[in-house]
């Protein structure tokens, strides 16, 4: 069973409470998403570490319940 956009947002928000999150279902199948996360927690971190924080928030579901996630991360302006 695929993850819903709401489930993805819930996992990310638990790990990054200040995050602004935008999720788009790319294929309309609940299996391929694009996700943009803006959080102060990313400040000073390299992009790879920012992405690791988001993937860790998904608690191992990436590659299982969640097949594909095109991820963009940034700090607030």
C-alpha atoms as a PDB file:
ATOM      1  CA  UNK A   1       0.000   0.000   0.000  1.00  0.00           C
ATOM      2  CA  UNK A   2       1.359   3.423  -0.988  1.00  0.00           C
ATOM      3  CA  UNK A   3       1.711   6.387   1.364  1.00  0.00           C
ATOM      4  CA  UNK A   4      -0.616   9.351   1.093  1.00  0.00           C
ATOM      5  CA  UNK A   5       0.663  12.907   0.858  1.00  0.00           C
ATOM      6  CA  UNK A   6      -0.870  13.520   4.294  1.00  0.00           C
ATOM      7  CA  UNK A   7       1.128  10.643   5.802  1.00  0.00           C
ATOM      8  CA  UNK A   8       4.342  11.997   4.300  1.00  0.00           C
ATOM      9  CA  UNK A   9       3.601  15.461   5.668  1.00  0.00           C
ATOM     10  CA  UNK A  10       2.833  14.064   9.122  1.00  0.00           C
ATOM     11  CA  UNK A  11       6.157  12.213   9.323  1.00  0.00           C
ATOM     12  CA  UNK A  12       8.113  15.261   8.178  1.00  0.00           C
ATOM     13  CA  UNK A  13       6.236  17.631  10.501  1.00  0.00           C
ATOM     14  CA  UNK A  14       6.950  15.380  13.505  1.00  0.00           C
ATOM     15  CA  UNK A  15      10.691  15.671  12.830  1.00  0.00           C
ATOM     16  CA  UNK A  16      10.696  19.287  11.616  1.00  0.00           C
ATOM     17  CA  UNK A  17       7.816  21.104  13.358  1.00  0.00           C
ATOM     18  CA  UNK A  18       8.637  24.494  11.814  1.00  0.00           C
ATOM     19  CA  UNK A  19       8.694  23.136   8.251  1.00  0.00           C
ATOM     20  CA  UNK A  20       6.664  24.529   5.395  1.00  0.00           C
ATOM     21  CA  UNK A  21       5.842  21.496   3.275  1.00  0.00           C
ATOM     22  CA  UNK A  22       4.459  21.255  -0.240  1.00  0.00           C
ATOM     23  CA  UNK A  23       3.755  17.801  -1.689  1.00  0.00           C
ATOM     24  CA  UNK A  24       2.605  17.033  -5.218  1.00  0.00           C
ATOM     25  CA  UNK A  25       1.535  13.605  -6.493  1.00  0.00           C
ATOM     26  CA  UNK A  26       3.444  13.497  -9.779  1.00  0.00           C
ATOM     27  CA  UNK A  27       1.738  10.545 -11.425  1.00  0.00           C
ATOM     28  CA  UNK A  28      -1.616  10.531  -9.647  1.00  0.00           C
ATOM     29  CA  UNK A  29      -0.866   7.048  -8.344  1.00  0.00           C
ATOM     30  CA  UNK A  30       0.066   7.816  -4.733  1.00  0.00           C
ATOM     31  CA  UNK A  31       3.517   6.364  -5.398  1.00  0.00           C
ATOM     32  CA  UNK A  32       5.528   9.180  -7.018  1.00  0.00           C
ATOM     33  CA  UNK A  33       5.758  12.496  -5.178  1.00  0.00           C
ATOM     34  CA  UNK A  34       7.616  15.784  -5.355  1.00  0.00           C
ATOM     35  CA  UNK A  35       8.196  17.377  -1.970  1.00  0.00           C
ATOM     36  CA  UNK A  36       9.511  20.824  -1.056  1.00  0.00           C
ATOM     37  CA  UNK A  37      10.514  21.358   2.565  1.00  0.00           C
ATOM     38  CA  UNK A  38      11.567  24.726   3.993  1.00  0.00           C
ATOM     39  CA  UNK A  39      12.942  24.619   7.534  1.00  0.00           C
ATOM     40  CA  UNK A  40      15.281  26.605   9.763  1.00  0.00           C
ATOM     41  CA  UNK A  41      16.735  23.235  10.835  1.00  0.00           C
ATOM     42  CA  UNK A  42      18.531  23.091   7.472  1.00  0.00           C
ATOM     43  CA  UNK A  43      20.514  26.296   8.047  1.00  0.00           C
ATOM     44  CA  UNK A  44      24.251  25.697   7.735  1.00  0.00           C
ATOM     45  CA  UNK A  45      23.829  22.091   6.613  1.00  0.00           C
ATOM     46  CA  UNK A  46      24.949  20.762   3.239  1.00  0.00           C
ATOM     47  CA  UNK A  47      22.120  19.679   0.950  1.00  0.00           C
ATOM     48  CA  UNK A  48      22.953  15.997   1.438  1.00  0.00           C
ATOM     49  CA  UNK A  49      22.493  16.332   5.209  1.00  0.00           C
ATOM     50  CA  UNK A  50      19.237  18.283   4.697  1.00  0.00           C
ATOM     51  CA  UNK A  51      17.882  15.430   2.579  1.00  0.00           C
ATOM     52  CA  UNK A  52      19.042  12.877   5.151  1.00  0.00           C
ATOM     53  CA  UNK A  53      16.993  14.673   7.807  1.00  0.00           C
ATOM     54  CA  UNK A  54      13.879  14.355   5.659  1.00  0.00           C
ATOM     55  CA  UNK A  55      14.544  10.717   4.728  1.00  0.00           C
ATOM     56  CA  UNK A  56      15.163   9.882   8.401  1.00  0.00           C
ATOM     57  CA  UNK A  57      11.834  11.540   9.241  1.00  0.00           C
ATOM     58  CA  UNK A  58      10.134   9.036   6.926  1.00  0.00           C
ATOM     59  CA  UNK A  59      11.225   6.265   9.305  1.00  0.00           C
ATOM     60  CA  UNK A  60      12.348   3.715   6.737  1.00  0.00           C
ATOM     61  CA  UNK A  61       9.318   4.003   4.447  1.00  0.00           C
ATOM     62  CA  UNK A  62      11.395   5.360   1.544  1.00  0.00           C
ATOM     63  CA  UNK A  63      11.832   2.529  -0.945  1.00  0.00           C
ATOM     64  CA  UNK A  64       9.010   0.549   0.651  1.00  0.00           C
ATOM     65  CA  UNK A  65       5.628   2.199   1.163  1.00  0.00           C
ATOM     66  CA  UNK A  66       7.034   5.280  -0.556  1.00  0.00           C
ATOM     67  CA  UNK A  67       8.477   4.436  -3.960  1.00  0.00           C
ATOM     68  CA  UNK A  68       9.739   7.771  -5.316  1.00  0.00           C
ATOM     69  CA  UNK A  69      10.254  11.198  -3.790  1.00  0.00           C
ATOM     70  CA  UNK A  70      11.756  14.126  -5.708  1.00  0.00           C
ATOM     71  CA  UNK A  71      12.993  16.230  -2.796  1.00  0.00           C
ATOM     72  CA  UNK A  72      13.865  19.931  -2.601  1.00  0.00           C
ATOM     73  CA  UNK A  73      15.028  21.449   0.673  1.00  0.00           C
ATOM     74  CA  UNK A  74      15.894  24.995   1.673  1.00  0.00           C
ATOM     75  CA  UNK A  75      16.050  27.412   4.568  1.00  0.00           C
ATOM     76  CA  UNK A  76      13.567  30.258   5.005  1.00  0.00           C
ATOM     77  CA  UNK A  77      14.488  33.611   3.440  1.00  0.00           C
END
